[in-house]
Amino acid sequence: MGRTKKVGPAGGLKARYGATVRKRYIEAIRDLKSPHRCPHCNANAVKRQSVGIWKCRKCEFTFTGGAYSPSTKLGATARRAARGPSET
């Protein structure tokens, strides 16, 4: 008898929704579950509380971010814009 394929987080989806959707789902869930650094204490202890709300388990710092990761490309752009033009 052959071995079964390891599908990871997409195991619950079975053979539905198409390969591309399952690959995107796997990428999003792996990013969600991977450890993240706290912007306040720099510890590797940030977990998602709810959609877009992240909390550090070490220093109890709560902040907003993306749905699947604590920082987004749009958030990085907004931080750069908030700093203003750089003086050269």
PDB file of N, CA and C in Angstrom:
ATOM      1  N   MET A   1       0.839  -1.171   0.000  1.00  0.00           N
ATOM      2  CA  MET A   1       0.000   0.000   0.000  1.00  0.00           C
ATOM      3  C   MET A   1       0.892   1.246   0.000  1.00  0.00           C
ATOM      4  N   GLY A   2       0.561   2.227  -0.832  1.00  0.00           N
ATOM      5  CA  GLY A   2       1.373   3.430  -0.957  1.00  0.00           C
ATOM      6  C   GLY A   2       1.155   4.405   0.183  1.00  0.00           C
ATOM      7  N   ARG A   3       2.076   5.321   0.292  1.00  0.00           N
ATOM      8  CA  ARG A   3       1.976   6.342   1.332  1.00  0.00           C
ATOM      9  C   ARG A   3       1.088   7.480   0.840  1.00  0.00           C
ATOM     10  N   THR A   4       0.439   8.143   1.776  1.00  0.00           N
ATOM     11  CA  THR A   4      -0.406   9.274   1.402  1.00  0.00           C
ATOM     12  C   THR A   4       0.438  10.535   1.326  1.00  0.00           C
ATOM     13  N   LYS A   5      -0.032  11.472   0.532  1.00  0.00           N
ATOM     14  CA  LYS A   5       0.686  12.729   0.344  1.00  0.00           C
ATOM     15  C   LYS A   5       0.402  13.664   1.518  1.00  0.00           C
ATOM     16  N   LYS A   6       1.435  14.341   1.998  1.00  0.00           N
ATOM     17  CA  LYS A   6       1.266  15.300   3.081  1.00  0.00           C
ATOM     18  C   LYS A   6       0.786  16.624   2.475  1.00  0.00           C
ATOM     19  N   VAL A   7      -0.374  17.062   2.877  1.00  0.00           N
ATOM     20  CA  VAL A   7      -0.960  18.257   2.279  1.00  0.00           C
ATOM     21  C   VAL A   7      -0.924  19.468   3.203  1.00  0.00           C
ATOM     22  N   GLY A   8      -0.592  19.283   4.458  1.00  0.00           N
ATOM     23  CA  GLY A   8      -0.484  20.401   5.384  1.00  0.00           C
ATOM     24  C   GLY A   8      -1.833  21.020   5.705  1.00  0.00           C
ATOM     25  N   PRO A   9      -1.889  22.359   5.779  1.00  0.00           N
ATOM     26  CA  PRO A   9      -3.128  23.037   6.179  1.00  0.00           C
ATOM     27  C   PRO A   9      -4.286  22.820   5.207  1.00  0.00           C
ATOM     28  N   ALA A  10      -4.004  22.476   3.971  1.00  0.00           N
ATOM     29  CA  ALA A  10      -5.067  22.315   2.979  1.00  0.00           C
ATOM     30  C   ALA A  10      -5.724  20.940   3.059  1.00  0.00           C
ATOM     31  N   GLY A  11      -5.370  20.133   4.038  1.00  0.00           N
ATOM     32  CA  GLY A  11      -5.936  18.798   4.156  1.00  0.00           C
ATOM     33  C   GLY A  11      -7.444  18.811   4.329  1.00  0.00           C
ATOM     34  N   GLY A  12      -7.971  19.815   4.998  1.00  0.00           N
ATOM     35  CA  GLY A  12      -9.404  19.894   5.209  1.00  0.00           C
ATOM     36  C   GLY A  12     -10.178  20.262   3.965  1.00  0.00           C
ATOM     37  N   LEU A  13      -9.482  20.796   2.956  1.00  0.00           N
ATOM     38  CA  LEU A  13     -10.158  21.193   1.721  1.00  0.00           C
ATOM     39  C   LEU A  13     -10.334  20.020   0.768  1.00  0.00           C
ATOM     40  N   LYS A  14      -9.596  18.942   1.008  1.00  0.00           N
ATOM     41  CA  LYS A  14      -9.618  17.740   0.169  1.00  0.00           C
ATOM     42  C   LYS A  14      -9.318  18.094  -1.287  1.00  0.00           C
ATOM     43  N   ALA A  15     -10.096  17.589  -2.231  1.00  0.00           N
ATOM     44  CA  ALA A  15      -9.804  17.810  -3.650  1.00  0.00           C
ATOM     45  C   ALA A  15     -10.653  18.936  -4.231  1.00  0.00           C
ATOM     46  N   ARG A  16     -11.159  19.799  -3.371  1.00  0.00           N
ATOM     47  CA  ARG A  16     -12.061  20.856  -3.843  1.00  0.00           C
ATOM     48  C   ARG A  16     -11.317  22.161  -4.090  1.00  0.00           C
ATOM     49  N   TYR A  17     -11.940  23.067  -4.811  1.00  0.00           N
ATOM     50  CA  TYR A  17     -11.561  24.466  -5.007  1.00  0.00           C
ATOM     51  C   TYR A  17     -10.423  24.698  -5.992  1.00  0.00           C
ATOM     52  N   GLY A  18      -9.709  23.703  -6.445  1.00  0.00           N
ATOM     53  CA  GLY A  18      -8.650  23.894  -7.427  1.00  0.00           C
ATOM     54  C   GLY A  18      -7.289  24.056  -6.774  1.00  0.00           C
ATOM     55  N   ALA A  19      -6.259  23.713  -7.521  1.00  0.00           N
ATOM     56  CA  ALA A  19      -4.896  23.710  -6.988  1.00  0.00           C
ATOM     57  C   ALA A  19      -4.407  25.104  -6.625  1.00  0.00           C
ATOM     58  N   THR A  20      -4.716  26.099  -7.445  1.00  0.00           N
ATOM     59  CA  THR A  20      -4.230  27.456  -7.195  1.00  0.00           C
ATOM     60  C   THR A  20      -4.817  28.018  -5.912  1.00  0.00           C
ATOM     61  N   VAL A  21      -6.093  27.821  -5.699  1.00  0.00           N
ATOM     62  CA  VAL A  21      -6.736  28.328  -4.481  1.00  0.00           C
ATOM     63  C   VAL A  21      -6.161  27.632  -3.260  1.00  0.00           C
ATOM     64  N   ARG A  22      -5.952  26.317  -3.347  1.00  0.00           N
ATOM     65  CA  ARG A  22      -5.368  25.586  -2.214  1.00  0.00           C
ATOM     66  C   ARG A  22      -3.952  26.054  -1.927  1.00  0.00           C
ATOM     67  N   LYS A  23      -3.166  26.341  -2.953  1.00  0.00           N
ATOM     68  CA  LYS A  23      -1.795  26.841  -2.746  1.00  0.00           C
ATOM     69  C   LYS A  23      -1.806  28.204  -2.064  1.00  0.00           C
ATOM     70  N   ARG A  24      -2.706  29.088  -2.474  1.00  0.00           N
ATOM     71  CA  ARG A  24      -2.816  30.399  -1.832  1.00  0.00           C
ATOM     72  C   ARG A  24      -3.254  30.255  -0.376  1.00  0.00           C
ATOM     73  N   TYR A  25      -4.173  29.333  -0.130  1.00  0.00           N
ATOM     74  CA  TYR A  25      -4.644  29.078   1.225  1.00  0.00           C
ATOM     75  C   TYR A  25      -3.498  28.583   2.109  1.00  0.00           C
ATOM     76  N   ILE A  26      -2.710  27.649   1.593  1.00  0.00           N
ATOM     77  CA  ILE A  26      -1.563  27.121   2.340  1.00  0.00           C
ATOM     78  C   ILE A  26      -0.591  28.241   2.679  1.00  0.00           C
ATOM     79  N   GLU A  27      -0.307  29.102   1.696  1.00  0.00           N
ATOM     80  CA  GLU A  27       0.632  30.208   1.911  1.00  0.00           C
ATOM     81  C   GLU A  27       0.113  31.156   2.996  1.00  0.00           C
ATOM     82  N   ALA A  28      -1.170  31.494   2.949  1.00  0.00           N
ATOM     83  CA  ALA A  28      -1.743  32.419   3.928  1.00  0.00           C
ATOM     84  C   ALA A  28      -1.739  31.809   5.328  1.00  0.00           C
ATOM     85  N   ILE A  29      -2.109  30.551   5.465  1.00  0.00           N
ATOM     86  CA  ILE A  29      -2.173  29.916   6.780  1.00  0.00           C
ATOM     87  C   ILE A  29      -0.779  29.692   7.350  1.00  0.00           C
ATOM     88  N   ARG A  30       0.178  29.333   6.504  1.00  0.00           N
ATOM     89  CA  ARG A  30       1.555  29.175   6.998  1.00  0.00           C
ATOM     90  C   ARG A  30       2.108  30.498   7.491  1.00  0.00           C
ATOM     91  N   ASP A  31       1.789  31.589   6.783  1.00  0.00           N
ATOM     92  CA  ASP A  31       2.231  32.913   7.226  1.00  0.00           C
ATOM     93  C   ASP A  31       1.557  33.281   8.544  1.00  0.00           C
ATOM     94  N   LEU A  32       0.296  32.933   8.691  1.00  0.00           N
ATOM     95  CA  LEU A  32      -0.445  33.227   9.916  1.00  0.00           C
ATOM     96  C   LEU A  32       0.141  32.490  11.113  1.00  0.00           C
ATOM     97  N   LYS A  33       0.453  31.214  10.939  1.00  0.00           N
ATOM     98  CA  LYS A  33       0.915  30.381  12.047  1.00  0.00           C
ATOM     99  C   LYS A  33       2.406  30.532  12.357  1.00  0.00           C
ATOM    100  N   SER A  34       3.185  31.107  11.456  1.00  0.00           N
ATOM    101  CA  SER A  34       4.627  31.238  11.691  1.00  0.00           C
ATOM    102  C   SER A  34       4.891  32.284  12.773  1.00  0.00           C
ATOM    103  N   PRO A  35       6.007  32.169  13.486  1.00  0.00           N
ATOM    104  CA  PRO A  35       6.307  33.139  14.547  1.00  0.00           C
ATOM    105  C   PRO A  35       6.639  34.509  13.967  1.00  0.00           C
ATOM    106  N   HIS A  36       6.210  35.553  14.680  1.00  0.00           N
ATOM    107  CA  HIS A  36       6.435  36.930  14.240  1.00  0.00           C
ATOM    108  C   HIS A  36       7.103  37.722  15.352  1.00  0.00           C
ATOM    109  N   ARG A  37       7.873  38.742  14.983  1.00  0.00           N
ATOM    110  CA  ARG A  37       8.565  39.593  15.951  1.00  0.00           C
ATOM    111  C   ARG A  37       7.665  40.715  16.431  1.00  0.00           C
ATOM    112  N   CYS A  38       7.781  41.016  17.708  1.00  0.00           N
ATOM    113  CA  CYS A  38       7.025  42.112  18.309  1.00  0.00           C
ATOM    114  C   CYS A  38       7.706  43.435  17.956  1.00  0.00           C
ATOM    115  N   PRO A  39       6.955  44.431  17.479  1.00  0.00           N
ATOM    116  CA  PRO A  39       7.574  45.723  17.166  1.00  0.00           C
ATOM    117  C   PRO A  39       7.945  46.523  18.414  1.00  0.00           C
ATOM    118  N   HIS A  40       7.457  46.106  19.564  1.00  0.00           N
ATOM    119  CA  HIS A  40       7.693  46.828  20.814  1.00  0.00           C
ATOM    120  C   HIS A  40       8.896  46.280  21.576  1.00  0.00           C
ATOM    121  N   CYS A  41       8.923  44.953  21.816  1.00  0.00           N
ATOM    122  CA  CYS A  41      10.008  44.357  22.616  1.00  0.00           C
ATOM    123  C   CYS A  41      10.944  43.480  21.781  1.00  0.00           C
ATOM    124  N   ASN A  42      10.650  43.313  20.507  1.00  0.00           N
ATOM    125  CA  ASN A  42      11.475  42.545  19.559  1.00  0.00           C
ATOM    126  C   ASN A  42      11.540  41.052  19.890  1.00  0.00           C
ATOM    127  N   ALA A  43      10.610  40.551  20.700  1.00  0.00           N
ATOM    128  CA  ALA A  43      10.560  39.127  21.013  1.00  0.00           C
ATOM    129  C   ALA A  43       9.822  38.396  19.885  1.00  0.00           C
ATOM    130  N   ASN A  44      10.108  37.138  19.748  1.00  0.00           N
ATOM    131  CA  ASN A  44       9.482  36.319  18.710  1.00  0.00           C
ATOM    132  C   ASN A  44       8.222  35.669  19.294  1.00  0.00           C
ATOM    133  N   ALA A  45       7.252  36.490  19.726  1.00  0.00           N
ATOM    134  CA  ALA A  45       6.123  35.966  20.494  1.00  0.00           C
ATOM    135  C   ALA A  45       4.793  36.592  20.114  1.00  0.00           C
ATOM    136  N   VAL A  46       4.621  36.990  18.867  1.00  0.00           N
ATOM    137  CA  VAL A  46       3.384  37.637  18.446  1.00  0.00           C
ATOM    138  C   VAL A  46       2.409  36.603  17.895  1.00  0.00           C
ATOM    139  N   LYS A  47       1.177  36.642  18.382  1.00  0.00           N
ATOM    140  CA  LYS A  47       0.107  35.760  17.916  1.00  0.00           C
ATOM    141  C   LYS A  47      -1.086  36.608  17.513  1.00  0.00           C
ATOM    142  N   ARG A  48      -1.914  36.082  16.622  1.00  0.00           N
ATOM    143  CA  ARG A  48      -3.111  36.806  16.195  1.00  0.00           C
ATOM    144  C   ARG A  48      -4.235  36.583  17.193  1.00  0.00           C
ATOM    145  N   GLN A  49      -4.849  37.677  17.653  1.00  0.00           N
ATOM    146  CA  GLN A  49      -5.990  37.616  18.552  1.00  0.00           C
ATOM    147  C   GLN A  49      -7.281  37.452  17.745  1.00  0.00           C
ATOM    148  N   SER A  50      -7.422  38.265  16.731  1.00  0.00           N
ATOM    149  CA  SER A  50      -8.596  38.281  15.878  1.00  0.00           C
ATOM    150  C   SER A  50      -8.123  38.768  14.511  1.00  0.00           C
ATOM    151  N   VAL A  51      -9.031  38.901  13.562  1.00  0.00           N
ATOM    152  CA  VAL A  51      -8.634  39.350  12.230  1.00  0.00           C
ATOM    153  C   VAL A  51      -8.076  40.767  12.329  1.00  0.00           C
ATOM    154  N   GLY A  52      -6.784  40.926  12.040  1.00  0.00           N
ATOM    155  CA  GLY A  52      -6.150  42.240  12.054  1.00  0.00           C
ATOM    156  C   GLY A  52      -5.673  42.704  13.411  1.00  0.00           C
ATOM    157  N   ILE A  53      -5.870  41.943  14.472  1.00  0.00           N
ATOM    158  CA  ILE A  53      -5.423  42.332  15.811  1.00  0.00           C
ATOM    159  C   ILE A  53      -4.384  41.328  16.282  1.00  0.00           C
ATOM    160  N   TRP A  54      -3.204  41.827  16.619  1.00  0.00           N
ATOM    161  CA  TRP A  54      -2.072  40.990  17.000  1.00  0.00           C
ATOM    162  C   TRP A  54      -1.623  41.366  18.392  1.00  0.00           C
ATOM    163  N   LYS A  55      -1.129  40.373  19.152  1.00  0.00           N
ATOM    164  CA  LYS A  55      -0.723  40.614  20.536  1.00  0.00           C
ATOM    165  C   LYS A  55       0.559  39.849  20.843  1.00  0.00           C
ATOM    166  N   CYS A  56       1.473  40.527  21.522  1.00  0.00           N
ATOM    167  CA  CYS A  56       2.720  39.898  21.959  1.00  0.00           C
ATOM    168  C   CYS A  56       2.445  39.161  23.263  1.00  0.00           C
ATOM    169  N   ARG A  57       2.858  37.904  23.321  1.00  0.00           N
ATOM    170  CA  ARG A  57       2.634  37.109  24.531  1.00  0.00           C
ATOM    171  C   ARG A  57       3.620  37.472  25.630  1.00  0.00           C
ATOM    172  N   LYS A  58       4.719  38.151  25.285  1.00  0.00           N
ATOM    173  CA  LYS A  58       5.728  38.491  26.291  1.00  0.00           C
ATOM    174  C   LYS A  58       5.418  39.824  26.977  1.00  0.00           C
ATOM    175  N   CYS A  59       5.234  40.884  26.185  1.00  0.00           N
ATOM    176  CA  CYS A  59       5.045  42.214  26.778  1.00  0.00           C
ATOM    177  C   CYS A  59       3.591  42.679  26.748  1.00  0.00           C
ATOM    178  N   GLU A  60       2.670  41.835  26.247  1.00  0.00           N
ATOM    179  CA  GLU A  60       1.240  42.143  26.192  1.00  0.00           C
ATOM    180  C   GLU A  60       0.915  43.330  25.278  1.00  0.00           C
ATOM    181  N   PHE A  61       1.815  43.711  24.383  1.00  0.00           N
ATOM    182  CA  PHE A  61       1.596  44.811  23.451  1.00  0.00           C
ATOM    183  C   PHE A  61       0.598  44.361  22.386  1.00  0.00           C
ATOM    184  N   THR A  62      -0.474  45.128  22.207  1.00  0.00           N
ATOM    185  CA  THR A  62      -1.502  44.818  21.216  1.00  0.00           C
ATOM    186  C   THR A  62      -1.441  45.867  20.119  1.00  0.00           C
ATOM    187  N   PHE A  63      -1.502  45.415  18.881  1.00  0.00           N
ATOM    188  CA  PHE A  63      -1.437  46.341  17.750  1.00  0.00           C
ATOM    189  C   PHE A  63      -2.230  45.781  16.580  1.00  0.00           C
ATOM    190  N   THR A  64      -2.464  46.629  15.590  1.00  0.00           N
ATOM    191  CA  THR A  64      -3.203  46.196  14.413  1.00  0.00           C
ATOM    192  C   THR A  64      -2.237  45.889  13.284  1.00  0.00           C
ATOM    193  N   GLY A  65      -2.690  45.041  12.384  1.00  0.00           N
ATOM    194  CA  GLY A  65      -1.882  44.667  11.240  1.00  0.00           C
ATOM    195  C   GLY A  65      -2.773  44.063  10.176  1.00  0.00           C
ATOM    196  N   GLY A  66      -2.222  43.190   9.381  1.00  0.00           N
ATOM    197  CA  GLY A  66      -2.994  42.540   8.343  1.00  0.00           C
ATOM    198  C   GLY A  66      -3.795  41.370   8.889  1.00  0.00           C
ATOM    199  N   ALA A  67      -4.596  40.779   8.031  1.00  0.00           N
ATOM    200  CA  ALA A  67      -5.421  39.653   8.451  1.00  0.00           C
ATOM    201  C   ALA A  67      -4.577  38.417   8.705  1.00  0.00           C
ATOM    202  N   TYR A  68      -3.539  38.204   7.918  1.00  0.00           N
ATOM    203  CA  TYR A  68      -2.738  36.987   8.034  1.00  0.00           C
ATOM    204  C   TYR A  68      -1.295  37.238   8.449  1.00  0.00           C
ATOM    205  N   SER A  69      -0.867  38.485   8.498  1.00  0.00           N
ATOM    206  CA  SER A  69       0.475  38.814   8.978  1.00  0.00           C
ATOM    207  C   SER A  69       0.421  40.160   9.691  1.00  0.00           C
ATOM    208  N   PRO A  70       1.280  40.371  10.684  1.00  0.00           N
ATOM    209  CA  PRO A  70       1.204  41.605  11.459  1.00  0.00           C
ATOM    210  C   PRO A  70       1.599  42.857  10.683  1.00  0.00           C
ATOM    211  N   SER A  71       2.319  42.702   9.588  1.00  0.00           N
ATOM    212  CA  SER A  71       2.683  43.872   8.791  1.00  0.00           C
ATOM    213  C   SER A  71       2.325  43.607   7.333  1.00  0.00           C
ATOM    214  N   THR A  72       1.870  44.656   6.654  1.00  0.00           N
ATOM    215  CA  THR A  72       1.481  44.537   5.261  1.00  0.00           C
ATOM    216  C   THR A  72       2.279  45.520   4.413  1.00  0.00           C
ATOM    217  N   LYS A  73       2.258  45.333   3.118  1.00  0.00           N
ATOM    218  CA  LYS A  73       2.954  46.252   2.215  1.00  0.00           C
ATOM    219  C   LYS A  73       2.337  47.633   2.302  1.00  0.00           C
ATOM    220  N   LEU A  74       1.009  47.707   2.396  1.00  0.00           N
ATOM    221  CA  LEU A  74       0.330  48.992   2.506  1.00  0.00           C
ATOM    222  C   LEU A  74       0.692  49.695   3.817  1.00  0.00           C
ATOM    223  N   GLY A  75       0.828  48.929   4.906  1.00  0.00           N
ATOM    224  CA  GLY A  75       1.218  49.518   6.183  1.00  0.00           C
ATOM    225  C   GLY A  75       2.632  50.074   6.152  1.00  0.00           C
ATOM    226  N   ALA A  76       3.549  49.377   5.470  1.00  0.00           N
ATOM    227  CA  ALA A  76       4.923  49.866   5.341  1.00  0.00           C
ATOM    228  C   ALA A  76       4.957  51.164   4.540  1.00  0.00           C
ATOM    229  N   THR A  77       4.146  51.234   3.493  1.00  0.00           N
ATOM    230  CA  THR A  77       4.067  52.452   2.688  1.00  0.00           C
ATOM    231  C   THR A  77       3.509  53.603   3.513  1.00  0.00           C
ATOM    232  N   ALA A  78       2.496  53.331   4.333  1.00  0.00           N
ATOM    233  CA  ALA A  78       1.898  54.361   5.182  1.00  0.00           C
ATOM    234  C   ALA A  78       2.895  54.875   6.215  1.00  0.00           C
ATOM    235  N   ARG A  79       3.722  53.973   6.779  1.00  0.00           N
ATOM    236  CA  ARG A  79       4.744  54.410   7.745  1.00  0.00           C
ATOM    237  C   ARG A  79       5.765  55.318   7.089  1.00  0.00           C
ATOM    238  N   ARG A  80       6.170  54.966   5.868  1.00  0.00           N
ATOM    239  CA  ARG A  80       7.126  55.826   5.149  1.00  0.00           C
ATOM    240  C   ARG A  80       6.518  57.193   4.868  1.00  0.00           C
ATOM    241  N   ALA A  81       5.254  57.226   4.477  1.00  0.00           N
ATOM    242  CA  ALA A  81       4.576  58.492   4.185  1.00  0.00           C
ATOM    243  C   ALA A  81       4.427  59.318   5.442  1.00  0.00           C
ATOM    244  N   ALA A  82       4.167  58.680   6.578  1.00  0.00           N
ATOM    245  CA  ALA A  82       3.993  59.400   7.836  1.00  0.00           C
ATOM    246  C   ALA A  82       5.296  60.031   8.316  1.00  0.00           C
ATOM    247  N   ARG A  83       6.421  59.401   7.979  1.00  0.00           N
ATOM    248  CA  ARG A  83       7.715  59.967   8.387  1.00  0.00           C
ATOM    249  C   ARG A  83       8.022  61.263   7.634  1.00  0.00           C
ATOM    250  N   GLY A  84       7.442  61.405   6.467  1.00  0.00           N
ATOM    251  CA  GLY A  84       7.662  62.610   5.673  1.00  0.00           C
ATOM    252  C   GLY A  84       8.854  62.459   4.761  1.00  0.00           C
ATOM    253  N   PRO A  85       9.106  63.488   3.965  1.00  0.00           N
ATOM    254  CA  PRO A  85      10.237  63.400   3.035  1.00  0.00           C
ATOM    255  C   PRO A  85      11.563  63.373   3.782  1.00  0.00           C
ATOM    256  N   SER A  86      12.462  62.543   3.304  1.00  0.00           N
ATOM    257  CA  SER A  86      13.758  62.428   3.978  1.00  0.00           C
ATOM    258  C   SER A  86      14.642  63.615   3.612  1.00  0.00           C
ATOM    259  N   GLU A  87      15.390  64.045   4.578  1.00  0.00           N
ATOM    260  CA  GLU A  87      16.310  65.176   4.385  1.00  0.00           C
ATOM    261  C   GLU A  87      17.636  64.637   3.857  1.00  0.00           C
ATOM    262  N   THR A  88      18.033  65.065   2.682  1.00  0.00           N
ATOM    263  CA  THR A  88      19.325  64.611   2.138  1.00  0.00           C
ATOM    264  C   THR A  88      20.241  65.768   1.905  1.00  0.00           C
TER     265      THR A  88
END
